[in-house]
Each structure stands twice: as C-alpha cells, then as structure tokens.
PDB file of N, CA and C in Angstrom:
ATOM      1  N   MET A   1       5.586  -8.134 -15.200  1.00  0.00           N
ATOM      2  CA  MET A   1       5.501  -8.138 -13.760  1.00  0.00           C
ATOM      3  C   MET A   1       4.524  -9.233 -13.352  1.00  0.00           C
ATOM      4  N   THR A   2       4.829  -9.902 -12.266  1.00  0.00           N
ATOM      5  CA  THR A   2       3.968 -10.973 -11.790  1.00  0.00           C
ATOM      6  C   THR A   2       2.757 -10.406 -11.071  1.00  0.00           C
ATOM      7  N   ARG A   3       1.765 -11.248 -10.870  1.00  0.00           N
ATOM      8  CA  ARG A   3       0.576 -10.827 -10.123  1.00  0.00           C
ATOM      9  C   ARG A   3       0.943 -10.471  -8.687  1.00  0.00           C
ATOM     10  N   ALA A   4       1.881 -11.203  -8.125  1.00  0.00           N
ATOM     11  CA  ALA A   4       2.316 -10.895  -6.758  1.00  0.00           C
ATOM     12  C   ALA A   4       2.954  -9.513  -6.702  1.00  0.00           C
ATOM     13  N   GLY A   5       3.720  -9.172  -7.718  1.00  0.00           N
ATOM     14  CA  GLY A   5       4.331  -7.845  -7.775  1.00  0.00           C
ATOM     15  C   GLY A   5       3.287  -6.754  -7.897  1.00  0.00           C
ATOM     16  N   ALA A   6       2.276  -7.009  -8.716  1.00  0.00           N
ATOM     17  CA  ALA A   6       1.196  -6.033  -8.870  1.00  0.00           C
ATOM     18  C   ALA A   6       0.449  -5.853  -7.558  1.00  0.00           C
ATOM     19  N   LEU A   7       0.201  -6.944  -6.860  1.00  0.00           N
ATOM     20  CA  LEU A   7      -0.485  -6.863  -5.574  1.00  0.00           C
ATOM     21  C   LEU A   7       0.359  -6.114  -4.553  1.00  0.00           C
ATOM     22  N   LEU A   8       1.655  -6.335  -4.566  1.00  0.00           N
ATOM     23  CA  LEU A   8       2.549  -5.629  -3.652  1.00  0.00           C
ATOM     24  C   LEU A   8       2.501  -4.124  -3.902  1.00  0.00           C
ATOM     25  N   LEU A   9       2.536  -3.724  -5.154  1.00  0.00           N
ATOM     26  CA  LEU A   9       2.450  -2.302  -5.473  1.00  0.00           C
ATOM     27  C   LEU A   9       1.096  -1.728  -5.091  1.00  0.00           C
ATOM     28  N   LEU A  10       0.047  -2.508  -5.257  1.00  0.00           N
ATOM     29  CA  LEU A  10      -1.284  -2.074  -4.856  1.00  0.00           C
ATOM     30  C   LEU A  10      -1.332  -1.828  -3.359  1.00  0.00           C
ATOM     31  N   CYS A  11      -0.779  -2.732  -2.592  1.00  0.00           N
ATOM     32  CA  CYS A  11      -0.739  -2.562  -1.134  1.00  0.00           C
ATOM     33  C   CYS A  11       0.083  -1.337  -0.749  1.00  0.00           C
ATOM     34  N   ALA A  12       1.152  -1.103  -1.454  1.00  0.00           N
ATOM     35  CA  ALA A  12       1.970   0.078  -1.163  1.00  0.00           C
ATOM     36  C   ALA A  12       1.175   1.355  -1.381  1.00  0.00           C
ATOM     37  N   ALA A  13       0.355   1.377  -2.406  1.00  0.00           N
ATOM     38  CA  ALA A  13      -0.470   2.568  -2.667  1.00  0.00           C
ATOM     39  C   ALA A  13      -1.434   2.827  -1.527  1.00  0.00           C
ATOM     40  N   LEU A  14      -1.950   1.766  -0.938  1.00  0.00           N
ATOM     41  CA  LEU A  14      -2.910   1.917   0.154  1.00  0.00           C
ATOM     42  C   LEU A  14      -2.284   2.526   1.402  1.00  0.00           C
ATOM     43  N   LEU A  15      -0.987   2.426   1.547  1.00  0.00           N
ATOM     44  CA  LEU A  15      -0.317   2.982   2.716  1.00  0.00           C
ATOM     45  C   LEU A  15      -0.389   4.498   2.771  1.00  0.00           C
ATOM     46  N   PHE A  16      -0.670   5.133   1.640  1.00  0.00           N
ATOM     47  CA  PHE A  16      -0.662   6.585   1.594  1.00  0.00           C
ATOM     48  C   PHE A  16      -1.980   7.220   2.014  1.00  0.00           C
ATOM     49  N   ILE A  17      -2.967   6.415   2.310  1.00  0.00           N
ATOM     50  CA  ILE A  17      -4.216   6.968   2.827  1.00  0.00           C
ATOM     51  C   ILE A  17      -4.004   7.145   4.326  1.00  0.00           C
ATOM     52  N   GLY A  18      -3.812   8.384   4.728  1.00  0.00           N
ATOM     53  CA  GLY A  18      -3.452   8.620   6.121  1.00  0.00           C
ATOM     54  C   GLY A  18      -4.389   9.536   6.870  1.00  0.00           C
ATOM     55  N   GLY A  19      -5.616   9.673   6.482  1.00  0.00           N
ATOM     56  CA  GLY A  19      -6.505  10.574   7.198  1.00  0.00           C
ATOM     57  C   GLY A  19      -7.899  10.509   6.645  1.00  0.00           C
ATOM     58  N   GLY A  20      -8.707  11.487   7.064  1.00  0.00           N
ATOM     59  CA  GLY A  20     -10.082  11.541   6.602  1.00  0.00           C
ATOM     60  C   GLY A  20     -11.031  10.969   7.616  1.00  0.00           C
ATOM     61  N   LYS A  21     -12.298  11.224   7.402  1.00  0.00           N
ATOM     62  CA  LYS A  21     -13.329  10.697   8.289  1.00  0.00           C
ATOM     63  C   LYS A  21     -13.514   9.219   8.021  1.00  0.00           C
ATOM     64  N   CYS A  22     -13.967   8.499   9.032  1.00  0.00           N
ATOM     65  CA  CYS A  22     -14.134   7.053   8.876  1.00  0.00           C
ATOM     66  C   CYS A  22     -15.105   6.703   7.755  1.00  0.00           C
ATOM     67  N   ASP A  23     -16.171   7.490   7.599  1.00  0.00           N
ATOM     68  CA  ASP A  23     -17.138   7.174   6.552  1.00  0.00           C
ATOM     69  C   ASP A  23     -16.614   7.506   5.158  1.00  0.00           C
ATOM     70  N   ASP A  24     -15.472   8.183   5.072  1.00  0.00           N
ATOM     71  CA  ASP A  24     -14.886   8.531   3.781  1.00  0.00           C
ATOM     72  C   ASP A  24     -13.761   7.584   3.360  1.00  0.00           C
ATOM     73  N   ILE A  25     -13.402   6.648   4.189  1.00  0.00           N
ATOM     74  CA  ILE A  25     -12.242   5.806   3.902  1.00  0.00           C
ATOM     75  C   ILE A  25     -12.469   4.920   2.678  1.00  0.00           C
ATOM     76  N   CYS A  26     -13.586   4.226   2.596  1.00  0.00           N
ATOM     77  CA  CYS A  26     -13.799   3.317   1.468  1.00  0.00           C
ATOM     78  C   CYS A  26     -13.778   4.030   0.124  1.00  0.00           C
ATOM     79  N   PRO A  27     -14.512   5.131  -0.059  1.00  0.00           N
ATOM     80  CA  PRO A  27     -14.411   5.837  -1.339  1.00  0.00           C
ATOM     81  C   PRO A  27     -13.003   6.377  -1.596  1.00  0.00           C
ATOM     82  N   ALA A  28     -12.345   6.844  -0.562  1.00  0.00           N
ATOM     83  CA  ALA A  28     -10.991   7.376  -0.732  1.00  0.00           C
ATOM     84  C   ALA A  28     -10.032   6.280  -1.168  1.00  0.00           C
ATOM     85  N   VAL A  29     -10.133   5.120  -0.558  1.00  0.00           N
ATOM     86  CA  VAL A  29      -9.265   4.001  -0.933  1.00  0.00           C
ATOM     87  C   VAL A  29      -9.564   3.573  -2.361  1.00  0.00           C
ATOM     88  N   ARG A  30     -10.841   3.440  -2.677  1.00  0.00           N
ATOM     89  CA  ARG A  30     -11.231   3.030  -4.030  1.00  0.00           C
ATOM     90  C   ARG A  30     -10.684   4.005  -5.075  1.00  0.00           C
ATOM     91  N   ASP A  31     -10.887   5.288  -4.840  1.00  0.00           N
ATOM     92  CA  ASP A  31     -10.429   6.299  -5.793  1.00  0.00           C
ATOM     93  C   ASP A  31      -8.910   6.312  -5.922  1.00  0.00           C
ATOM     94  N   THR A  32      -8.229   6.198  -4.789  1.00  0.00           N
ATOM     95  CA  THR A  32      -6.769   6.234  -4.807  1.00  0.00           C
ATOM     96  C   THR A  32      -6.188   5.024  -5.520  1.00  0.00           C
ATOM     97  N   VAL A  33      -6.725   3.854  -5.248  1.00  0.00           N
ATOM     98  CA  VAL A  33      -6.219   2.642  -5.895  1.00  0.00           C
ATOM     99  C   VAL A  33      -6.484   2.692  -7.395  1.00  0.00           C
ATOM    100  N   ASP A  34      -7.664   3.146  -7.784  1.00  0.00           N
ATOM    101  CA  ASP A  34      -7.975   3.257  -9.207  1.00  0.00           C
ATOM    102  C   ASP A  34      -7.004   4.215  -9.902  1.00  0.00           C
ATOM    103  N   LEU A  35      -6.749   5.349  -9.264  1.00  0.00           N
ATOM    104  CA  LEU A  35      -5.794   6.305  -9.834  1.00  0.00           C
ATOM    105  C   LEU A  35      -4.376   5.746  -9.844  1.00  0.00           C
ATOM    106  N   PHE A  36      -4.015   5.013  -8.789  1.00  0.00           N
ATOM    107  CA  PHE A  36      -2.676   4.433  -8.704  1.00  0.00           C
ATOM    108  C   PHE A  36      -2.433   3.462  -9.855  1.00  0.00           C
ATOM    109  N   ILE A  37      -3.431   2.663 -10.153  1.00  0.00           N
ATOM    110  CA  ILE A  37      -3.259   1.634 -11.171  1.00  0.00           C
ATOM    111  C   ILE A  37      -3.458   2.172 -12.579  1.00  0.00           C
ATOM    112  N   SER A  38      -4.516   2.944 -12.782  1.00  0.00           N
ATOM    113  CA  SER A  38      -4.842   3.305 -14.159  1.00  0.00           C
ATOM    114  C   SER A  38      -4.989   4.802 -14.423  1.00  0.00           C
ATOM    115  N   GLY A  39      -4.842   5.623 -13.404  1.00  0.00           N
ATOM    116  CA  GLY A  39      -4.978   7.061 -13.596  1.00  0.00           C
ATOM    117  C   GLY A  39      -3.685   7.720 -14.031  1.00  0.00           C
ATOM    118  N   SER A  40      -3.792   9.009 -14.292  1.00  0.00           N
ATOM    119  CA  SER A  40      -2.590   9.754 -14.671  1.00  0.00           C
ATOM    120  C   SER A  40      -1.704   9.967 -13.443  1.00  0.00           C
ATOM    121  N   HIS A  41      -0.450  10.205 -13.703  1.00  0.00           N
ATOM    122  CA  HIS A  41       0.514  10.439 -12.633  1.00  0.00           C
ATOM    123  C   HIS A  41       0.086  11.640 -11.784  1.00  0.00           C
ATOM    124  N   GLU A  42      -0.285  12.718 -12.445  1.00  0.00           N
ATOM    125  CA  GLU A  42      -0.664  13.951 -11.747  1.00  0.00           C
ATOM    126  C   GLU A  42      -1.914  13.754 -10.899  1.00  0.00           C
ATOM    127  N   ALA A  43      -2.909  13.059 -11.450  1.00  0.00           N
ATOM    128  CA  ALA A  43      -4.156  12.839 -10.707  1.00  0.00           C
ATOM    129  C   ALA A  43      -3.911  11.998  -9.455  1.00  0.00           C
ATOM    130  N   TYR A  44      -3.029  10.994  -9.563  1.00  0.00           N
ATOM    131  CA  TYR A  44      -2.726  10.164  -8.398  1.00  0.00           C
ATOM    132  C   TYR A  44      -2.040  10.981  -7.308  1.00  0.00           C
ATOM    133  N   ILE A  45      -1.062  11.785  -7.671  1.00  0.00           N
ATOM    134  CA  ILE A  45      -0.349  12.594  -6.679  1.00  0.00           C
ATOM    135  C   ILE A  45      -1.302  13.596  -6.031  1.00  0.00           C
ATOM    136  N   GLU A  46      -2.186  14.195  -6.806  1.00  0.00           N
ATOM    137  CA  GLU A  46      -3.180  15.114  -6.237  1.00  0.00           C
ATOM    138  C   GLU A  46      -4.076  14.400  -5.230  1.00  0.00           C
ATOM    139  N   GLN A  47      -4.447  13.160  -5.532  1.00  0.00           N
ATOM    140  CA  GLN A  47      -5.290  12.384  -4.610  1.00  0.00           C
ATOM    141  C   GLN A  47      -4.541  12.106  -3.308  1.00  0.00           C
ATOM    142  N   VAL A  48      -3.279  11.715  -3.404  1.00  0.00           N
ATOM    143  CA  VAL A  48      -2.485  11.452  -2.200  1.00  0.00           C
ATOM    144  C   VAL A  48      -2.357  12.727  -1.369  1.00  0.00           C
ATOM    145  N   GLU A  49      -2.146  13.860  -2.026  1.00  0.00           N
ATOM    146  CA  GLU A  49      -1.989  15.142  -1.326  1.00  0.00           C
ATOM    147  C   GLU A  49      -3.230  15.537  -0.534  1.00  0.00           C
ATOM    148  N   LYS A  50      -4.397  15.042  -0.927  1.00  0.00           N
ATOM    149  CA  LYS A  50      -5.625  15.342  -0.180  1.00  0.00           C
ATOM    150  C   LYS A  50      -5.550  14.807   1.245  1.00  0.00           C
ATOM    151  N   TYR A  51      -4.820  13.728   1.438  1.00  0.00           N
ATOM    152  CA  TYR A  51      -4.791  13.043   2.722  1.00  0.00           C
ATOM    153  C   TYR A  51      -3.455  13.121   3.440  1.00  0.00           C
ATOM    154  N   ASN A  52      -2.400  13.485   2.732  1.00  0.00           N
ATOM    155  CA  ASN A  52      -1.085  13.499   3.364  1.00  0.00           C
ATOM    156  C   ASN A  52      -0.172  14.463   2.609  1.00  0.00           C
ATOM    157  N   GLN A  53       0.330  15.481   3.308  1.00  0.00           N
ATOM    158  CA  GLN A  53       1.205  16.464   2.675  1.00  0.00           C
ATOM    159  C   GLN A  53       2.679  16.275   3.032  1.00  0.00           C
ATOM    160  N   ASN A  54       3.009  15.199   3.695  1.00  0.00           N
ATOM    161  CA  ASN A  54       4.385  14.918   4.070  1.00  0.00           C
ATOM    162  C   ASN A  54       5.232  14.744   2.805  1.00  0.00           C
ATOM    163  N   SER A  55       6.330  15.486   2.721  1.00  0.00           N
ATOM    164  CA  SER A  55       7.151  15.459   1.504  1.00  0.00           C
ATOM    165  C   SER A  55       7.752  14.080   1.235  1.00  0.00           C
ATOM    166  N   ASP A  56       8.103  13.344   2.284  1.00  0.00           N
ATOM    167  CA  ASP A  56       8.648  12.000   2.084  1.00  0.00           C
ATOM    168  C   ASP A  56       7.589  11.063   1.506  1.00  0.00           C
ATOM    169  N   VAL A  57       6.372  11.185   2.008  1.00  0.00           N
ATOM    170  CA  VAL A  57       5.274  10.357   1.504  1.00  0.00           C
ATOM    171  C   VAL A  57       4.991  10.694   0.046  1.00  0.00           C
ATOM    172  N   LEU A  58       4.951  11.979  -0.265  1.00  0.00           N
ATOM    173  CA  LEU A  58       4.675  12.391  -1.643  1.00  0.00           C
ATOM    174  C   LEU A  58       5.782  11.951  -2.600  1.00  0.00           C
ATOM    175  N   GLU A  59       7.014  12.013  -2.148  1.00  0.00           N
ATOM    176  CA  GLU A  59       8.132  11.559  -2.981  1.00  0.00           C
ATOM    177  C   GLU A  59       8.041  10.057  -3.244  1.00  0.00           C
ATOM    178  N   THR A  60       7.694   9.303  -2.205  1.00  0.00           N
ATOM    179  CA  THR A  60       7.553   7.858  -2.364  1.00  0.00           C
ATOM    180  C   THR A  60       6.371   7.526  -3.267  1.00  0.00           C
ATOM    181  N   ALA A  61       5.267   8.241  -3.099  1.00  0.00           N
ATOM    182  CA  ALA A  61       4.101   8.038  -3.962  1.00  0.00           C
ATOM    183  C   ALA A  61       4.469   8.305  -5.417  1.00  0.00           C
ATOM    184  N   ASP A  62       5.237   9.351  -5.645  1.00  0.00           N
ATOM    185  CA  ASP A  62       5.690   9.698  -6.989  1.00  0.00           C
ATOM    186  C   ASP A  62       6.535   8.573  -7.581  1.00  0.00           C
ATOM    187  N   THR A  63       7.447   8.043  -6.782  1.00  0.00           N
ATOM    188  CA  THR A  63       8.319   6.959  -7.237  1.00  0.00           C
ATOM    189  C   THR A  63       7.522   5.698  -7.548  1.00  0.00           C
ATOM    190  N   LEU A  64       6.592   5.337  -6.649  1.00  0.00           N
ATOM    191  CA  LEU A  64       5.793   4.130  -6.862  1.00  0.00           C
ATOM    192  C   LEU A  64       4.904   4.254  -8.095  1.00  0.00           C
ATOM    193  N   LYS A  65       4.294   5.416  -8.281  1.00  0.00           N
ATOM    194  CA  LYS A  65       3.428   5.613  -9.449  1.00  0.00           C
ATOM    195  C   LYS A  65       4.252   5.523 -10.728  1.00  0.00           C
ATOM    196  N   SER A  66       5.447   6.085 -10.721  1.00  0.00           N
ATOM    197  CA  SER A  66       6.322   5.975 -11.893  1.00  0.00           C
ATOM    198  C   SER A  66       6.644   4.519 -12.192  1.00  0.00           C
ATOM    199  N   CYS A  67       6.898   3.748 -11.155  1.00  0.00           N
ATOM    200  CA  CYS A  67       7.199   2.325 -11.314  1.00  0.00           C
ATOM    201  C   CYS A  67       6.008   1.588 -11.921  1.00  0.00           C
ATOM    202  N   VAL A  68       4.815   1.857 -11.398  1.00  0.00           N
ATOM    203  CA  VAL A  68       3.611   1.209 -11.927  1.00  0.00           C
ATOM    204  C   VAL A  68       3.423   1.557 -13.396  1.00  0.00           C
ATOM    205  N   ASP A  69       3.565   2.829 -13.715  1.00  0.00           N
ATOM    206  CA  ASP A  69       3.365   3.265 -15.094  1.00  0.00           C
ATOM    207  C   ASP A  69       4.378   2.636 -16.049  1.00  0.00           C
ATOM    208  N   GLU A  70       5.589   2.407 -15.577  1.00  0.00           N
ATOM    209  CA  GLU A  70       6.641   1.851 -16.428  1.00  0.00           C
ATOM    210  C   GLU A  70       6.627   0.328 -16.489  1.00  0.00           C
ATOM    211  N   LYS A  71       6.265  -0.331 -15.387  1.00  0.00           N
ATOM    212  CA  LYS A  71       6.459  -1.772 -15.289  1.00  0.00           C
ATOM    213  C   LYS A  71       5.209  -2.613 -15.515  1.00  0.00           C
ATOM    214  N   LEU A  72       4.040  -2.121 -15.110  1.00  0.00           N
ATOM    215  CA  LEU A  72       2.841  -2.943 -15.243  1.00  0.00           C
ATOM    216  C   LEU A  72       2.317  -2.913 -16.676  1.00  0.00           C
ATOM    217  N   THR A  73       1.988  -4.082 -17.163  1.00  0.00           N
ATOM    218  CA  THR A  73       1.361  -4.176 -18.480  1.00  0.00           C
ATOM    219  C   THR A  73      -0.125  -3.859 -18.335  1.00  0.00           C
ATOM    220  N   PRO A  74      -0.803  -3.585 -19.443  1.00  0.00           N
ATOM    221  CA  PRO A  74      -2.256  -3.386 -19.349  1.00  0.00           C
ATOM    222  C   PRO A  74      -2.963  -4.580 -18.697  1.00  0.00           C
ATOM    223  N   GLN A  75      -2.491  -5.791 -18.976  1.00  0.00           N
ATOM    224  CA  GLN A  75      -3.100  -6.976 -18.359  1.00  0.00           C
ATOM    225  C   GLN A  75      -2.849  -6.997 -16.853  1.00  0.00           C
ATOM    226  N   ASP A  76      -1.647  -6.638 -16.420  1.00  0.00           N
ATOM    227  CA  ASP A  76      -1.352  -6.556 -14.986  1.00  0.00           C
ATOM    228  C   ASP A  76      -2.291  -5.568 -14.306  1.00  0.00           C
ATOM    229  N   LYS A  77      -2.498  -4.428 -14.934  1.00  0.00           N
ATOM    230  CA  LYS A  77      -3.371  -3.405 -14.359  1.00  0.00           C
ATOM    231  C   LYS A  77      -4.805  -3.906 -14.278  1.00  0.00           C
ATOM    232  N   GLN A  78      -5.264  -4.580 -15.325  1.00  0.00           N
ATOM    233  CA  GLN A  78      -6.626  -5.119 -15.314  1.00  0.00           C
ATOM    234  C   GLN A  78      -6.772  -6.185 -14.240  1.00  0.00           C
ATOM    235  N   ASP A  79      -5.779  -7.038 -14.084  1.00  0.00           N
ATOM    236  CA  ASP A  79      -5.821  -8.069 -13.047  1.00  0.00           C
ATOM    237  C   ASP A  79      -5.891  -7.449 -11.660  1.00  0.00           C
ATOM    238  N   ALA A  80      -5.108  -6.406 -11.429  1.00  0.00           N
ATOM    239  CA  ALA A  80      -5.115  -5.741 -10.125  1.00  0.00           C
ATOM    240  C   ALA A  80      -6.464  -5.092  -9.853  1.00  0.00           C
ATOM    241  N   LEU A  81      -7.040  -4.436 -10.849  1.00  0.00           N
ATOM    242  CA  LEU A  81      -8.354  -3.815 -10.670  1.00  0.00           C
ATOM    243  C   LEU A  81      -9.439  -4.863 -10.468  1.00  0.00           C
ATOM    244  N   SER A  82      -9.323  -5.992 -11.144  1.00  0.00           N
ATOM    245  CA  SER A  82     -10.306  -7.066 -10.984  1.00  0.00           C
ATOM    246  C   SER A  82     -10.262  -7.673  -9.589  1.00  0.00           C
ATOM    247  N   ALA A  83      -9.084  -7.653  -8.975  1.00  0.00           N
ATOM    248  CA  ALA A  83      -8.939  -8.213  -7.623  1.00  0.00           C
ATOM    249  C   ALA A  83      -9.695  -7.388  -6.590  1.00  0.00           C
ATOM    250  N   LEU A  84      -9.988  -6.147  -6.915  1.00  0.00           N
ATOM    251  CA  LEU A  84     -10.714  -5.289  -5.993  1.00  0.00           C
ATOM    252  C   LEU A  84     -12.183  -5.577  -6.076  1.00  0.00           C
TER     253      LEU A  84
END
C-alpha cells in the first residue's frame, strides 16, 4: 500500500470520533488512531463505540479496520504512526 493510501485510511479512522468534551478530543483522537493502525480489531471497535453507537458507523469502522489489518505492511503502519 502506498503512503497516500495509508494516509487516506488514517483520515477515515478520524471520521469516527463523533463526540466527547472538547478537552478530551486530542487524547481520544490519539488513542483511536493508534488503535486503528496498530491495535487489535476488538480494541479499535470498542474505542469507536465509546463515541458513536450508530450501527452504520460501527460497520464501516469494522470494515476499515479489517482493510488496514490485511493491507498495510508493518512499514506502512510505522510510517503512518510517524506522521502523527
């Protein structure tokens, strides 16, 4: 996967942060992105559920996380985390 593809998937993960207090946004985004890129599938979905219980959002999050886990190489994941 290209770096542009990894960045696109990273941006898609950020779309699922849909709530919380303003002072909690940065830690929530950081935690969610870290889980999206390098965490377990279950941990990422649990994190998304903290902020959004919409079934369509959760289904899309599940699909995107599966894609990341299948398509990104360890180097792609490291590059994406380094960009943060």
